[in-house]
N, C-alpha and C. Protein backbone atom coordinates (compact mmCIF):
# COMPACT_ATOMS: atom_id res chain seq x y z
N MET A 1 -50.75 -26.06 132.59
CA MET A 1 -49.90 -25.46 133.38
C MET A 1 -49.78 -23.87 133.60
N THR A 2 -49.85 -23.46 134.84
CA THR A 2 -49.98 -22.18 134.83
C THR A 2 -48.50 -21.38 134.86
N LYS A 3 -48.56 -20.18 134.50
CA LYS A 3 -47.31 -19.32 134.16
C LYS A 3 -46.28 -19.65 135.31
N PHE A 4 -46.74 -19.52 136.62
CA PHE A 4 -45.89 -19.79 137.57
C PHE A 4 -45.40 -21.22 137.61
N GLY A 5 -46.07 -22.01 137.22
CA GLY A 5 -45.58 -23.48 137.33
C GLY A 5 -44.64 -23.69 136.30
N LYS A 6 -44.77 -22.79 134.91
CA LYS A 6 -43.89 -23.08 133.95
C LYS A 6 -42.39 -22.38 134.40
N GLN A 7 -42.64 -21.17 135.15
CA GLN A 7 -41.36 -20.51 135.59
C GLN A 7 -40.63 -21.28 136.67
N LEU A 8 -41.48 -21.95 137.56
CA LEU A 8 -40.95 -22.91 138.55
C LEU A 8 -40.18 -24.05 137.78
N LEU A 9 -40.77 -24.68 136.74
CA LEU A 9 -40.06 -25.72 136.25
C LEU A 9 -38.84 -25.30 135.40
N ALA A 10 -38.82 -24.17 134.87
CA ALA A 10 -37.79 -23.52 134.25
C ALA A 10 -36.69 -23.28 135.06
N ALA A 11 -36.95 -22.84 136.11
CA ALA A 11 -35.82 -22.55 137.40
C ALA A 11 -35.26 -23.66 137.69
N TRP A 12 -36.06 -24.76 137.97
CA TRP A 12 -35.60 -25.84 138.44
C TRP A 12 -34.66 -26.91 137.53
N ILE A 13 -34.88 -26.80 136.05
CA ILE A 13 -34.05 -27.34 134.93
C ILE A 13 -33.04 -26.47 135.00
N PHE A 14 -32.95 -25.14 135.09
CA PHE A 14 -31.68 -24.32 135.06
C PHE A 14 -30.96 -24.61 136.23
N SER A 15 -31.43 -24.83 137.41
CA SER A 15 -30.71 -25.16 138.60
C SER A 15 -29.83 -26.44 138.17
N ILE A 16 -30.57 -27.39 138.06
CA ILE A 16 -30.09 -29.03 137.53
C ILE A 16 -28.96 -28.71 136.68
N SER A 17 -29.17 -27.89 135.69
CA SER A 17 -27.94 -27.84 134.55
C SER A 17 -26.84 -27.09 135.21
N VAL A 18 -26.99 -26.20 135.94
CA VAL A 18 -25.78 -25.49 136.64
C VAL A 18 -25.27 -26.43 137.43
N VAL A 19 -25.81 -27.27 138.26
CA VAL A 19 -24.96 -28.09 138.94
C VAL A 19 -24.30 -29.25 138.20
N VAL A 20 -24.97 -29.73 137.11
CA VAL A 20 -24.37 -30.72 136.25
C VAL A 20 -23.18 -30.21 135.48
N PHE A 21 -23.38 -28.95 135.03
CA PHE A 21 -22.11 -28.39 134.26
C PHE A 21 -21.10 -27.92 134.96
N SER A 22 -21.31 -27.56 136.32
CA SER A 22 -20.17 -27.28 137.47
C SER A 22 -19.45 -28.51 137.61
N ASN A 23 -20.09 -29.69 137.93
CA ASN A 23 -19.36 -30.79 138.00
C ASN A 23 -18.47 -31.28 136.95
N LEU A 24 -19.01 -30.94 135.68
CA LEU A 24 -18.19 -31.38 134.68
C LEU A 24 -17.03 -30.50 134.16
N ALA A 25 -17.48 -29.08 134.43
CA ALA A 25 -16.50 -28.19 134.11
C ALA A 25 -15.32 -28.09 135.14
N PHE A 26 -15.43 -28.38 136.36
CA PHE A 26 -14.47 -28.09 137.39
C PHE A 26 -14.41 -29.21 138.05
N GLY A 27 -15.48 -30.02 138.21
CA GLY A 27 -15.17 -31.45 138.74
C GLY A 27 -14.59 -31.52 140.13
N ALA A 28 -14.33 -32.72 140.67
CA ALA A 28 -13.73 -32.99 141.92
C ALA A 28 -12.32 -33.20 141.88
N PRO A 29 -11.38 -32.89 142.73
CA PRO A 29 -10.09 -33.00 142.67
C PRO A 29 -9.90 -34.62 142.35
N VAL A 30 -8.85 -34.81 141.43
CA VAL A 30 -8.27 -36.26 140.96
C VAL A 30 -6.95 -36.48 141.43
N TRP A 31 -6.78 -37.80 141.79
CA TRP A 31 -5.41 -38.19 142.17
C TRP A 31 -4.54 -38.06 140.97
N ALA A 32 -3.47 -37.67 141.03
CA ALA A 32 -2.37 -37.43 139.93
C ALA A 32 -0.88 -37.94 140.76
N GLU A 33 -0.20 -38.36 139.72
CA GLU A 33 1.12 -38.63 139.94
C GLU A 33 2.30 -37.78 139.24
N LYS A 34 3.35 -37.46 140.18
CA LYS A 34 4.40 -36.63 139.56
C LYS A 34 5.60 -37.10 140.08
N PRO A 35 6.67 -36.94 139.30
CA PRO A 35 8.08 -37.38 139.95
C PRO A 35 8.38 -36.51 141.12
N ILE A 36 8.87 -37.01 142.31
CA ILE A 36 9.56 -36.24 143.28
C ILE A 36 10.88 -36.94 143.41
N GLN A 37 11.82 -36.48 144.08
CA GLN A 37 13.13 -36.88 144.37
C GLN A 37 13.15 -37.18 146.01
N CYS A 38 13.64 -38.59 146.15
CA CYS A 38 13.63 -39.32 147.33
C CYS A 38 15.09 -39.89 147.49
N ALA A 39 15.59 -39.80 148.71
CA ALA A 39 16.90 -40.35 149.00
C ALA A 39 16.93 -40.55 150.43
N THR A 40 18.13 -40.90 151.15
CA THR A 40 18.20 -40.94 152.59
C THR A 40 18.01 -39.53 153.04
N PRO A 41 17.68 -39.57 154.24
CA PRO A 41 17.54 -38.07 155.02
C PRO A 41 18.94 -37.52 154.91
N ALA A 42 20.14 -38.01 155.06
CA ALA A 42 21.50 -37.56 155.10
C ALA A 42 21.82 -36.90 153.66
N GLU A 43 21.45 -37.67 152.48
CA GLU A 43 21.56 -37.16 151.32
C GLU A 43 20.70 -35.92 150.90
N VAL A 44 19.42 -35.86 151.20
CA VAL A 44 18.45 -34.74 151.07
C VAL A 44 18.96 -33.60 151.63
N PHE A 45 19.45 -33.70 153.08
CA PHE A 45 19.84 -32.61 153.80
C PHE A 45 21.24 -32.11 153.33
N ASP A 46 22.05 -32.94 152.80
CA ASP A 46 23.19 -32.50 151.92
C ASP A 46 22.90 -31.62 150.89
N ARG A 47 21.96 -32.13 150.01
CA ARG A 47 21.48 -31.19 148.92
C ARG A 47 20.94 -29.97 149.36
N LEU A 48 20.17 -29.99 150.26
CA LEU A 48 19.43 -28.73 150.55
C LEU A 48 20.53 -27.69 151.65
N ASP A 49 21.35 -28.23 152.15
CA ASP A 49 22.50 -27.42 152.93
C ASP A 49 23.25 -26.67 151.76
N GLY A 50 23.33 -27.28 150.46
CA GLY A 50 24.06 -26.51 149.40
C GLY A 50 23.48 -25.21 149.08
N ASP A 51 22.03 -25.12 149.23
CA ASP A 51 21.27 -23.82 148.91
C ASP A 51 21.26 -23.17 150.29
N GLY A 52 21.78 -23.48 151.34
CA GLY A 52 21.77 -22.73 152.65
C GLY A 52 20.30 -22.67 153.22
N LEU A 53 19.58 -23.80 152.84
CA LEU A 53 18.14 -23.98 153.51
C LEU A 53 18.34 -24.48 155.06
N VAL A 54 17.38 -23.97 155.89
CA VAL A 54 17.34 -24.38 156.96
C VAL A 54 15.80 -24.65 157.61
N PRO A 55 15.55 -25.47 158.47
CA PRO A 55 14.19 -25.68 158.83
C PRO A 55 13.53 -24.50 159.14
N LEU A 56 12.46 -24.09 158.66
CA LEU A 56 11.46 -23.02 159.09
C LEU A 56 10.22 -23.56 160.08
N PHE A 57 9.66 -24.63 159.66
CA PHE A 57 8.76 -25.29 160.43
C PHE A 57 8.61 -26.68 160.14
N SER A 58 7.98 -27.52 160.78
CA SER A 58 7.72 -28.89 160.47
C SER A 58 6.33 -29.21 161.08
N SER A 59 5.76 -30.28 160.45
CA SER A 59 4.24 -30.50 160.67
C SER A 59 3.94 -32.04 160.41
N ILE A 60 2.86 -32.36 160.92
CA ILE A 60 2.37 -33.74 160.76
C ILE A 60 1.04 -33.76 159.72
N GLY A 61 1.20 -34.53 158.78
CA GLY A 61 0.07 -34.57 157.62
C GLY A 61 -0.23 -36.05 157.07
N ASN A 62 -1.47 -36.12 156.36
CA ASN A 62 -1.47 -37.51 155.97
C ASN A 62 -1.27 -37.51 154.35
N ALA A 63 -0.72 -38.70 154.14
CA ALA A 63 -0.54 -38.90 152.58
C ALA A 63 -1.21 -40.35 152.43
N ARG A 64 -1.61 -40.46 151.00
CA ARG A 64 -2.32 -41.62 150.77
C ARG A 64 -1.27 -42.46 149.99
N VAL A 65 -0.87 -43.51 150.37
CA VAL A 65 0.03 -44.42 149.62
C VAL A 65 -0.73 -45.71 149.23
N GLU A 66 -1.01 -45.61 147.75
CA GLU A 66 -1.84 -46.65 147.34
C GLU A 66 -3.31 -46.50 147.82
N ASN A 67 -3.77 -47.46 148.54
CA ASN A 67 -5.26 -47.17 149.01
C ASN A 67 -5.07 -47.16 150.58
N GLU A 68 -3.89 -46.60 151.07
CA GLU A 68 -3.78 -46.51 152.66
C GLU A 68 -3.65 -45.21 152.90
N LEU A 69 -4.05 -44.58 154.04
CA LEU A 69 -3.71 -43.28 154.47
C LEU A 69 -2.62 -43.46 155.74
N HIS A 70 -1.67 -42.83 155.31
CA HIS A 70 -0.41 -42.82 156.34
C HIS A 70 -0.14 -41.34 156.82
N THR A 71 0.37 -41.39 158.21
CA THR A 71 0.68 -40.01 158.89
C THR A 71 2.06 -39.90 158.63
N LYS A 72 2.59 -38.84 158.21
CA LYS A 72 3.93 -38.59 157.86
C LYS A 72 4.31 -37.18 158.36
N MET A 73 5.62 -36.91 158.60
CA MET A 73 6.15 -35.61 158.93
C MET A 73 6.56 -34.94 157.73
N TYR A 74 6.31 -33.68 157.58
CA TYR A 74 6.72 -32.65 156.49
C TYR A 74 7.50 -31.54 157.12
N ALA A 75 8.23 -30.74 156.25
CA ALA A 75 9.08 -29.81 156.74
C ALA A 75 9.35 -28.65 155.42
N MET A 76 9.24 -27.47 155.88
CA MET A 76 9.60 -26.30 155.15
C MET A 76 10.97 -25.96 155.55
N LEU A 77 11.73 -25.69 154.53
CA LEU A 77 12.89 -25.33 154.55
C LEU A 77 13.21 -23.99 153.94
N TYR A 78 14.10 -22.93 154.48
CA TYR A 78 13.85 -21.81 153.90
C TYR A 78 15.25 -21.01 154.04
N ASN A 79 15.67 -20.14 153.02
CA ASN A 79 16.98 -19.44 153.19
C ASN A 79 16.46 -17.83 153.02
N ALA A 80 16.33 -17.20 154.10
CA ALA A 80 15.92 -15.82 154.32
C ALA A 80 16.76 -14.94 153.38
N GLU A 81 18.00 -15.10 153.11
CA GLU A 81 19.14 -14.36 152.46
C GLU A 81 18.73 -14.31 151.00
N ASN A 82 18.27 -15.50 150.26
CA ASN A 82 17.96 -15.53 148.86
C ASN A 82 16.66 -15.97 148.50
N GLY A 83 15.75 -16.18 149.62
CA GLY A 83 14.30 -16.44 149.16
C GLY A 83 13.99 -17.95 148.73
N LYS A 84 15.13 -18.65 148.88
CA LYS A 84 14.74 -19.94 148.24
C LYS A 84 14.05 -20.92 149.37
N TRP A 85 13.32 -21.89 148.95
CA TRP A 85 12.62 -22.73 149.86
C TRP A 85 12.39 -24.15 149.39
N ALA A 86 11.86 -25.07 150.18
CA ALA A 86 11.72 -26.44 149.85
C ALA A 86 10.76 -26.93 150.77
N PHE A 87 9.84 -28.02 150.43
CA PHE A 87 8.95 -28.78 151.17
C PHE A 87 9.61 -29.98 151.04
N ILE A 88 9.65 -30.84 152.19
CA ILE A 88 10.11 -32.22 152.11
C ILE A 88 9.10 -33.04 152.95
N GLU A 89 9.32 -34.27 152.65
CA GLU A 89 8.32 -35.23 153.39
C GLU A 89 9.13 -36.57 153.93
N PHE A 90 9.26 -36.75 155.31
CA PHE A 90 9.86 -37.72 155.83
C PHE A 90 9.03 -39.12 155.68
N PHE A 91 9.34 -39.92 154.56
CA PHE A 91 8.51 -40.80 154.23
C PHE A 91 8.61 -42.06 155.10
N ASP A 92 9.76 -42.49 155.62
CA ASP A 92 10.07 -43.27 156.62
C ASP A 92 11.40 -43.09 157.19
N ASN A 93 12.06 -44.09 158.14
CA ASN A 93 13.15 -43.65 158.62
C ASN A 93 14.66 -43.63 157.50
N GLU A 94 14.24 -44.34 156.34
CA GLU A 94 15.28 -44.49 155.31
C GLU A 94 15.21 -43.61 154.32
N THR A 95 13.79 -43.03 154.28
CA THR A 95 13.61 -42.14 153.05
C THR A 95 12.81 -40.78 153.30
N THR A 96 13.61 -39.69 152.63
CA THR A 96 13.13 -38.41 152.71
C THR A 96 12.88 -37.90 151.26
N CYS A 97 11.88 -37.33 150.90
CA CYS A 97 11.42 -36.95 149.55
C CYS A 97 11.40 -35.47 149.62
N VAL A 98 11.78 -34.76 148.54
CA VAL A 98 11.96 -33.51 148.30
C VAL A 98 10.53 -33.28 147.46
N ILE A 99 9.55 -32.49 147.96
CA ILE A 99 8.22 -32.62 147.19
C ILE A 99 8.31 -31.24 146.17
N VAL A 100 8.80 -30.31 146.44
CA VAL A 100 8.92 -29.03 145.69
C VAL A 100 10.06 -28.02 146.20
N VAL A 101 10.70 -27.37 145.26
CA VAL A 101 11.64 -26.37 145.70
C VAL A 101 11.18 -25.17 145.04
N GLY A 102 11.59 -23.93 145.44
CA GLY A 102 11.26 -22.78 144.84
C GLY A 102 11.95 -21.38 145.39
N GLU A 103 11.76 -20.33 144.76
CA GLU A 103 12.28 -19.16 145.33
C GLU A 103 11.10 -17.86 145.43
N GLY A 104 11.25 -17.20 146.24
CA GLY A 104 10.26 -15.97 146.54
C GLY A 104 9.27 -16.60 147.48
N VAL A 105 9.27 -15.91 148.54
CA VAL A 105 8.43 -16.23 149.55
C VAL A 105 7.72 -14.99 150.11
N ASP A 106 6.47 -14.82 150.29
CA ASP A 106 5.69 -13.62 150.72
C ASP A 106 5.03 -14.09 152.13
N PHE A 107 5.48 -13.56 153.04
CA PHE A 107 4.91 -14.00 154.53
C PHE A 107 3.68 -13.15 154.90
N ASN A 108 3.44 -12.04 154.04
CA ASN A 108 2.68 -10.89 154.16
C ASN A 108 1.48 -11.30 153.49
N VAL A 109 0.39 -12.04 153.67
CA VAL A 109 -0.62 -12.46 152.84
C VAL A 109 -2.01 -11.82 153.28
N GLN A 110 -1.78 -10.80 154.16
CA GLN A 110 -2.97 -10.09 154.77
C GLN A 110 -3.65 -9.41 153.50
N GLY A 111 -4.86 -9.79 153.33
CA GLY A 111 -5.91 -9.11 152.43
C GLY A 111 -5.54 -9.93 151.10
N LYS A 112 -5.05 -10.96 150.68
CA LYS A 112 -4.61 -11.61 149.57
C LYS A 112 -5.39 -12.90 149.54
N GLU A 113 -6.48 -12.98 150.22
CA GLU A 113 -7.03 -14.29 150.21
C GLU A 113 -7.91 -14.56 149.00
N GLU A 114 -8.10 -13.68 148.21
CA GLU A 114 -8.95 -13.75 146.91
C GLU A 114 -8.07 -13.93 145.91
N SER A 115 -6.81 -13.81 146.03
CA SER A 115 -5.74 -13.91 144.81
C SER A 115 -5.81 -15.13 144.30
């Protein structure tokens, strides 16, 4: 085998190793479950009203429920005075879920794409 052939073989093995290691170290996203709070829409909005949260935007998204993909409506609620926010999912007509709540919003993300 020529010197070039050995270098080519070494580069190929190194490339395969990088791909295999990357998949093992970082892998693909996995499905996870976490607790979320769900109630009737009225109960959820009563709770969110207590923090002075008002709708900032709504959107349509896809959610996997067991093995099926469903189109759902989502909303972000926000209180500009204290920086509190929440994301909710309108699961069906009788059920609304609070996915996450938090504090501190930065709408000025210009130049922060790498952070």
